[in-house]
Amino acid sequence: MARTVSHETDAPALASWGIWDKLALQLILVGVSIYALVVLISGTVMIITTLASGDRQVSLAVDGALPDRASTGSATLLDGHYESAWVSVTGLTPMTNGLLTAGLIVNVVAQVLVAASFVYLAFRLLRRRPFMKSLTWLFVTAGAALLIGSLISQALTGFGSWLVAGELGSTPGTDDFWIMAISVDLVPIGFGFALMLVGSAFEYAQKLSRETEGLV
């Protein structure tokens, strides 16, 4: 016999967790909360210290040959070169500093939002109500923020690093030590799509729970 389907915004609570399941979820909640806090604090400290000191740590593209000590074993090194190097620079122009700072801020905000979404997911699982509209929208928002934020952050940081190479004396189309190039990391972009897919899965699970609730 069927009864009227509930039209509440949130899906009904699930069955109670076992003792060990609940303990595991509590540990996960504490862990992701600490991670989110570390990301927020470390990102904030990094932004403040770079603004206060003017020093920058950036990764620049290079095309340098490996030193002789890179091949001292029994194997024969046929070819090898450096692709990038971490450098610490200071005395950059305001435009370069502004681009690097903006890229750092966008990256930190995106990471904090993603970490917060997993904190909220662990919290809702402990409350036995994971299929909620708020959780769906949070994951979709976090995924979009990571996707768009990573593109913006990498564009700002990449162009800023390109300017750093120029301020260190490199020019396009020459054989200078620093290569004026911009690299793109596709991993955050793929992870952003994955988060939005998770949000869509929660939306589907929420609708399925409502339909199941209407059956005896």
C-alpha atoms as a PDB file:
ATOM      1  CA  MET A   1       0.000   0.000   0.000  1.00  0.00           C
ATOM      2  CA  ALA A   2       1.405   3.346  -0.993  1.00  0.00           C
ATOM      3  CA  ARG A   3       1.311   6.539   1.034  1.00  0.00           C
ATOM      4  CA  THR A   4       1.825  10.165   0.120  1.00  0.00           C
ATOM      5  CA  VAL A   5       5.400  11.017  -0.842  1.00  0.00           C
ATOM      6  CA  SER A   6       7.015  13.597   1.422  1.00  0.00           C
ATOM      7  CA  HIS A   7       7.886  16.910  -0.188  1.00  0.00           C
ATOM      8  CA  GLU A   8      10.418  17.980   2.424  1.00  0.00           C
ATOM      9  CA  THR A   9      13.613  19.560   1.170  1.00  0.00           C
ATOM     10  CA  ASP A  10      15.865  16.999   2.846  1.00  0.00           C
ATOM     11  CA  ALA A  11      15.825  13.237   2.499  1.00  0.00           C
ATOM     12  CA  PRO A  12      14.932  11.209   5.629  1.00  0.00           C
ATOM     13  CA  ALA A  13      17.616  10.169   8.091  1.00  0.00           C
ATOM     14  CA  LEU A  14      19.333   6.878   7.433  1.00  0.00           C
ATOM     15  CA  ALA A  15      19.698   3.951   9.834  1.00  0.00           C
ATOM     16  CA  SER A  16      21.903   4.418  12.876  1.00  0.00           C
ATOM     17  CA  TRP A  17      25.660   3.966  12.526  1.00  0.00           C
ATOM     18  CA  GLY A  18      27.447   1.182  14.349  1.00  0.00           C
ATOM     19  CA  ILE A  19      29.908   2.081  17.083  1.00  0.00           C
ATOM     20  CA  TRP A  20      32.992   1.580  14.910  1.00  0.00           C
ATOM     21  CA  ASP A  21      31.396   3.261  11.908  1.00  0.00           C
ATOM     22  CA  LYS A  22      30.545   6.300  13.991  1.00  0.00           C
ATOM     23  CA  LEU A  23      34.040   6.394  15.477  1.00  0.00           C
ATOM     24  CA  ALA A  24      35.578   6.221  12.002  1.00  0.00           C
ATOM     25  CA  LEU A  25      33.367   9.074  10.787  1.00  0.00           C
ATOM     26  CA  GLN A  26      34.271  11.150  13.849  1.00  0.00           C
ATOM     27  CA  LEU A  27      37.968  10.615  13.143  1.00  0.00           C
ATOM     28  CA  ILE A  28      37.435  11.563   9.494  1.00  0.00           C
ATOM     29  CA  LEU A  29      35.551  14.700  10.561  1.00  0.00           C
ATOM     30  CA  VAL A  30      38.389  15.707  12.897  1.00  0.00           C
ATOM     31  CA  GLY A  31      40.974  14.958  10.219  1.00  0.00           C
ATOM     32  CA  VAL A  32      39.332  16.949   7.419  1.00  0.00           C
ATOM     33  CA  SER A  33      38.570  19.791   9.853  1.00  0.00           C
ATOM     34  CA  ILE A  34      42.241  19.985  10.805  1.00  0.00           C
ATOM     35  CA  TYR A  35      43.226  19.865   7.144  1.00  0.00           C
ATOM     36  CA  ALA A  36      40.821  22.686   6.281  1.00  0.00           C
ATOM     37  CA  LEU A  37      42.167  24.755   9.182  1.00  0.00           C
ATOM     38  CA  VAL A  38      45.773  24.115   8.147  1.00  0.00           C
ATOM     39  CA  VAL A  39      45.020  25.125   4.559  1.00  0.00           C
ATOM     40  CA  LEU A  40      43.355  28.334   5.736  1.00  0.00           C
ATOM     41  CA  ILE A  41      46.072  29.281   8.229  1.00  0.00           C
ATOM     42  CA  SER A  42      49.035  28.353   6.041  1.00  0.00           C
ATOM     43  CA  GLY A  43      47.530  30.129   3.029  1.00  0.00           C
ATOM     44  CA  THR A  44      46.796  33.258   5.057  1.00  0.00           C
ATOM     45  CA  VAL A  45      50.290  33.289   6.574  1.00  0.00           C
ATOM     46  CA  MET A  46      51.868  32.820   3.140  1.00  0.00           C
ATOM     47  CA  ILE A  47      49.887  35.710   1.686  1.00  0.00           C
ATOM     48  CA  ILE A  48      50.726  38.031   4.601  1.00  0.00           C
ATOM     49  CA  THR A  49      54.430  37.166   4.697  1.00  0.00           C
ATOM     50  CA  THR A  50      54.906  37.606   0.945  1.00  0.00           C
ATOM     51  CA  LEU A  51      53.124  40.943   1.024  1.00  0.00           C
ATOM     52  CA  ALA A  52      55.173  42.097   4.018  1.00  0.00           C
ATOM     53  CA  SER A  53      58.590  40.963   2.766  1.00  0.00           C
ATOM     54  CA  GLY A  54      58.229  41.310  -0.982  1.00  0.00           C
ATOM     55  CA  ASP A  55      60.044  37.983  -1.437  1.00  0.00           C
ATOM     56  CA  ARG A  56      58.517  35.450  -3.813  1.00  0.00           C
ATOM     57  CA  GLN A  57      58.994  31.710  -4.230  1.00  0.00           C
ATOM     58  CA  VAL A  58      58.009  30.692  -7.747  1.00  0.00           C
ATOM     59  CA  SER A  59      58.622  27.805 -10.109  1.00  0.00           C
ATOM     60  CA  LEU A  60      60.228  28.867 -13.374  1.00  0.00           C
ATOM     61  CA  ALA A  61      60.721  26.827 -16.538  1.00  0.00           C
ATOM     62  CA  VAL A  62      64.310  26.030 -17.455  1.00  0.00           C
ATOM     63  CA  ASP A  63      66.136  23.916 -19.993  1.00  0.00           C
ATOM     64  CA  GLY A  64      69.412  23.195 -18.267  1.00  0.00           C
ATOM     65  CA  ALA A  65      71.688  20.216 -18.770  1.00  0.00           C
ATOM     66  CA  LEU A  66      72.171  17.789 -15.887  1.00  0.00           C
ATOM     67  CA  PRO A  67      75.505  17.983 -14.034  1.00  0.00           C
ATOM     68  CA  ASP A  68      78.095  15.243 -14.416  1.00  0.00           C
ATOM     69  CA  ARG A  69      77.337  13.837 -10.959  1.00  0.00           C
ATOM     70  CA  ALA A  70      73.841  12.903 -12.163  1.00  0.00           C
ATOM     71  CA  SER A  71      75.312   9.776 -13.788  1.00  0.00           C
ATOM     72  CA  THR A  72      77.895   8.051 -11.596  1.00  0.00           C
ATOM     73  CA  GLY A  73      76.372   4.560 -11.395  1.00  0.00           C
ATOM     74  CA  SER A  74      76.500   1.493 -13.596  1.00  0.00           C
ATOM     75  CA  ALA A  75      73.641   2.640 -15.872  1.00  0.00           C
ATOM     76  CA  THR A  76      74.286   4.882 -18.860  1.00  0.00           C
ATOM     77  CA  LEU A  77      72.462   8.211 -18.873  1.00  0.00           C
ATOM     78  CA  LEU A  78      71.535   8.890 -22.496  1.00  0.00           C
ATOM     79  CA  ASP A  79      69.923  12.287 -22.044  1.00  0.00           C
ATOM     80  CA  GLY A  80      68.579  14.527 -19.317  1.00  0.00           C
ATOM     81  CA  HIS A  81      67.717  18.129 -18.529  1.00  0.00           C
ATOM     82  CA  TYR A  82      65.987  20.319 -15.955  1.00  0.00           C
ATOM     83  CA  GLU A  83      62.408  21.338 -16.727  1.00  0.00           C
ATOM     84  CA  SER A  84      61.771  23.674 -13.783  1.00  0.00           C
ATOM     85  CA  ALA A  85      63.411  25.202 -10.738  1.00  0.00           C
ATOM     86  CA  TRP A  86      62.080  26.765  -7.547  1.00  0.00           C
ATOM     87  CA  VAL A  87      63.561  30.196  -6.999  1.00  0.00           C
ATOM     88  CA  SER A  88      63.290  32.900  -4.367  1.00  0.00           C
ATOM     89  CA  VAL A  89      63.267  36.405  -5.803  1.00  0.00           C
ATOM     90  CA  THR A  90      62.701  39.925  -4.552  1.00  0.00           C
ATOM     91  CA  GLY A  91      62.536  43.434  -5.994  1.00  0.00           C
ATOM     92  CA  LEU A  92      59.817  42.543  -8.499  1.00  0.00           C
ATOM     93  CA  THR A  93      57.652  45.179 -10.148  1.00  0.00           C
ATOM     94  CA  PRO A  94      54.227  45.972  -8.636  1.00  0.00           C
ATOM     95  CA  MET A  95      52.446  44.363 -11.590  1.00  0.00           C
ATOM     96  CA  THR A  96      54.342  41.074 -11.194  1.00  0.00           C
ATOM     97  CA  ASN A  97      53.802  41.082  -7.427  1.00  0.00           C
ATOM     98  CA  GLY A  98      50.098  41.799  -7.927  1.00  0.00           C
ATOM     99  CA  LEU A  99      49.624  38.912 -10.363  1.00  0.00           C
ATOM    100  CA  LEU A 100      51.410  36.422  -8.101  1.00  0.00           C
ATOM    101  CA  THR A 101      49.476  37.614  -5.035  1.00  0.00           C
ATOM    102  CA  ALA A 102      46.117  37.403  -6.826  1.00  0.00           C
ATOM    103  CA  GLY A 103      46.927  33.901  -8.068  1.00  0.00           C
ATOM    104  CA  LEU A 104      47.856  32.806  -4.546  1.00  0.00           C
ATOM    105  CA  ILE A 105      44.666  34.245  -3.025  1.00  0.00           C
ATOM    106  CA  VAL A 106      42.414  32.576  -5.614  1.00  0.00           C
ATOM    107  CA  ASN A 107      44.171  29.248  -5.082  1.00  0.00           C
ATOM    108  CA  VAL A 108      43.842  29.407  -1.282  1.00  0.00           C
ATOM    109  CA  VAL A 109      40.144  30.329  -1.427  1.00  0.00           C
ATOM    110  CA  ALA A 110      39.405  27.431  -3.799  1.00  0.00           C
ATOM    111  CA  GLN A 111      41.283  24.932  -1.608  1.00  0.00           C
ATOM    112  CA  VAL A 112      39.542  26.127   1.574  1.00  0.00           C
ATOM    113  CA  LEU A 113      36.120  25.821  -0.069  1.00  0.00           C
ATOM    114  CA  VAL A 114      36.860  22.264  -1.225  1.00  0.00           C
ATOM    115  CA  ALA A 115      38.113  21.269   2.239  1.00  0.00           C
ATOM    116  CA  ALA A 116      35.028  22.833   3.844  1.00  0.00           C
ATOM    117  CA  SER A 117      32.745  20.794   1.575  1.00  0.00           C
ATOM    118  CA  PHE A 118      34.273  17.543   2.865  1.00  0.00           C
ATOM    119  CA  VAL A 119      34.001  18.767   6.462  1.00  0.00           C
ATOM    120  CA  TYR A 120      30.293  19.395   5.908  1.00  0.00           C
ATOM    121  CA  LEU A 121      29.886  15.992   4.225  1.00  0.00           C
ATOM    122  CA  ALA A 122      31.442  14.200   7.211  1.00  0.00           C
ATOM    123  CA  PHE A 123      29.199  16.214   9.561  1.00  0.00           C
ATOM    124  CA  ARG A 124      26.030  15.330   7.626  1.00  0.00           C
ATOM    125  CA  LEU A 125      27.029  11.656   7.550  1.00  0.00           C
ATOM    126  CA  LEU A 126      27.353  11.686  11.337  1.00  0.00           C
ATOM    127  CA  ARG A 127      23.876  13.242  11.515  1.00  0.00           C
ATOM    128  CA  ARG A 128      22.681  10.443   9.169  1.00  0.00           C
ATOM    129  CA  ARG A 129      21.290  12.961   6.683  1.00  0.00           C
ATOM    130  CA  PRO A 130      23.722  13.135   3.768  1.00  0.00           C
ATOM    131  CA  PHE A 131      21.196  13.619   0.971  1.00  0.00           C
ATOM    132  CA  MET A 132      20.446  17.311   1.377  1.00  0.00           C
ATOM    133  CA  LYS A 133      20.017  20.211  -1.028  1.00  0.00           C
ATOM    134  CA  SER A 134      22.649  22.213   0.845  1.00  0.00           C
ATOM    135  CA  LEU A 135      25.223  19.435   0.414  1.00  0.00           C
ATOM    136  CA  THR A 136      24.421  19.119  -3.276  1.00  0.00           C
ATOM    137  CA  TRP A 137      24.865  22.821  -3.920  1.00  0.00           C
ATOM    138  CA  LEU A 138      27.984  22.982  -1.745  1.00  0.00           C
ATOM    139  CA  PHE A 139      29.744  20.290  -3.779  1.00  0.00           C
ATOM    140  CA  VAL A 140      28.645  21.814  -7.081  1.00  0.00           C
ATOM    141  CA  THR A 141      29.859  25.227  -5.891  1.00  0.00           C
ATOM    142  CA  ALA A 142      33.139  23.777  -4.585  1.00  0.00           C
ATOM    143  CA  GLY A 143      33.717  21.941  -7.857  1.00  0.00           C
ATOM    144  CA  ALA A 144      32.999  25.034  -9.920  1.00  0.00           C
ATOM    145  CA  ALA A 145      35.215  27.136  -7.638  1.00  0.00           C
ATOM    146  CA  LEU A 146      38.072  24.656  -7.961  1.00  0.00           C
ATOM    147  CA  LEU A 147      37.617  24.375 -11.731  1.00  0.00           C
ATOM    148  CA  ILE A 148      37.349  28.090 -12.422  1.00  0.00           C
ATOM    149  CA  GLY A 149      39.670  29.061  -9.568  1.00  0.00           C
ATOM    150  CA  SER A 150      42.445  26.760 -10.728  1.00  0.00           C
ATOM    151  CA  LEU A 151      42.226  28.157 -14.255  1.00  0.00           C
ATOM    152  CA  ILE A 152      42.333  31.744 -13.004  1.00  0.00           C
ATOM    153  CA  SER A 153      45.036  31.004 -10.425  1.00  0.00           C
ATOM    154  CA  GLN A 154      47.248  29.196 -12.921  1.00  0.00           C
ATOM    155  CA  ALA A 155      46.756  31.952 -15.493  1.00  0.00           C
ATOM    156  CA  LEU A 156      47.688  34.678 -12.987  1.00  0.00           C
ATOM    157  CA  THR A 157      50.595  32.741 -11.487  1.00  0.00           C
ATOM    158  CA  GLY A 158      51.813  31.563 -14.893  1.00  0.00           C
ATOM    159  CA  PHE A 159      51.838  35.042 -16.379  1.00  0.00           C
ATOM    160  CA  GLY A 160      53.429  36.365 -13.189  1.00  0.00           C
ATOM    161  CA  SER A 161      56.166  33.723 -13.419  1.00  0.00           C
ATOM    162  CA  TRP A 162      56.617  34.628 -17.088  1.00  0.00           C
ATOM    163  CA  LEU A 163      57.216  38.230 -16.015  1.00  0.00           C
ATOM    164  CA  VAL A 164      59.636  37.059 -13.293  1.00  0.00           C
ATOM    165  CA  ALA A 165      61.710  35.282 -15.930  1.00  0.00           C
ATOM    166  CA  GLY A 166      61.726  38.496 -17.955  1.00  0.00           C
ATOM    167  CA  GLU A 167      62.808  40.532 -14.940  1.00  0.00           C
ATOM    168  CA  LEU A 168      65.652  38.061 -14.391  1.00  0.00           C
ATOM    169  CA  GLY A 169      66.939  38.900 -17.869  1.00  0.00           C
ATOM    170  CA  SER A 170      65.288  36.387 -20.183  1.00  0.00           C
ATOM    171  CA  THR A 171      63.719  37.379 -23.485  1.00  0.00           C
ATOM    172  CA  PRO A 172      61.395  35.369 -25.750  1.00  0.00           C
ATOM    173  CA  GLY A 173      62.989  33.388 -28.564  1.00  0.00           C
ATOM    174  CA  THR A 174      66.484  33.296 -27.084  1.00  0.00           C
ATOM    175  CA  ASP A 175      68.668  30.635 -25.474  1.00  0.00           C
ATOM    176  CA  ASP A 176      68.550  32.225 -22.025  1.00  0.00           C
ATOM    177  CA  PHE A 177      68.692  30.019 -18.945  1.00  0.00           C
ATOM    178  CA  TRP A 178      65.111  30.841 -17.902  1.00  0.00           C
ATOM    179  CA  ILE A 179      62.417  29.896 -20.415  1.00  0.00           C
ATOM    180  CA  MET A 180      59.517  32.310 -20.739  1.00  0.00           C
ATOM    181  CA  ALA A 181      56.707  29.749 -20.739  1.00  0.00           C
ATOM    182  CA  ILE A 182      53.446  29.064 -18.895  1.00  0.00           C
ATOM    183  CA  SER A 183      52.567  25.534 -17.719  1.00  0.00           C
ATOM    184  CA  VAL A 184      49.088  24.206 -16.920  1.00  0.00           C
ATOM    185  CA  ASP A 185      48.226  21.551 -14.328  1.00  0.00           C
ATOM    186  CA  LEU A 186      45.087  19.657 -15.378  1.00  0.00           C
ATOM    187  CA  VAL A 187      44.685  17.718 -12.101  1.00  0.00           C
ATOM    188  CA  PRO A 188      42.729  20.444 -10.196  1.00  0.00           C
ATOM    189  CA  ILE A 189      40.510  20.928 -13.233  1.00  0.00           C
ATOM    190  CA  GLY A 190      39.667  17.226 -13.352  1.00  0.00           C
ATOM    191  CA  PHE A 191      39.060  17.184  -9.598  1.00  0.00           C
ATOM    192  CA  GLY A 192      36.693  20.133  -9.997  1.00  0.00           C
ATOM    193  CA  PHE A 193      34.612  18.180 -12.514  1.00  0.00           C
ATOM    194  CA  ALA A 194      34.655  15.200 -10.123  1.00  0.00           C
ATOM    195  CA  LEU A 195      33.285  17.326  -7.261  1.00  0.00           C
ATOM    196  CA  MET A 196      30.449  18.611  -9.437  1.00  0.00           C
ATOM    197  CA  LEU A 197      29.704  15.016 -10.420  1.00  0.00           C
ATOM    198  CA  VAL A 198      29.546  14.067  -6.730  1.00  0.00           C
ATOM    199  CA  GLY A 199      27.092  16.918  -6.162  1.00  0.00           C
ATOM    200  CA  SER A 200      24.918  15.598  -8.993  1.00  0.00           C
ATOM    201  CA  ALA A 201      25.051  12.119  -7.456  1.00  0.00           C
ATOM    202  CA  PHE A 202      23.808  13.513  -4.143  1.00  0.00           C
ATOM    203  CA  GLU A 203      20.952  15.233  -5.960  1.00  0.00           C
ATOM    204  CA  TYR A 204      19.943  11.958  -7.607  1.00  0.00           C
ATOM    205  CA  ALA A 205      20.228  10.064  -4.305  1.00  0.00           C
ATOM    206  CA  GLN A 206      18.029  12.675  -2.631  1.00  0.00           C
ATOM    207  CA  LYS A 207      15.282  12.252  -5.236  1.00  0.00           C
ATOM    208  CA  LEU A 208      15.584   8.461  -5.025  1.00  0.00           C
ATOM    209  CA  SER A 209      15.234   8.576  -1.226  1.00  0.00           C
ATOM    210  CA  ARG A 210      12.043  10.611  -1.530  1.00  0.00           C
ATOM    211  CA  GLU A 211      10.552   8.111  -3.960  1.00  0.00           C
ATOM    212  CA  THR A 212      11.567   5.194  -1.750  1.00  0.00           C
ATOM    213  CA  GLU A 213      10.021   6.917   1.280  1.00  0.00           C
ATOM    214  CA  GLY A 214       6.642   6.751  -0.450  1.00  0.00           C
ATOM    215  CA  LEU A 215       6.700   2.956  -0.562  1.00  0.00           C
ATOM    216  CA  VAL A 216       5.867   0.522   2.224  1.00  0.00           C
END
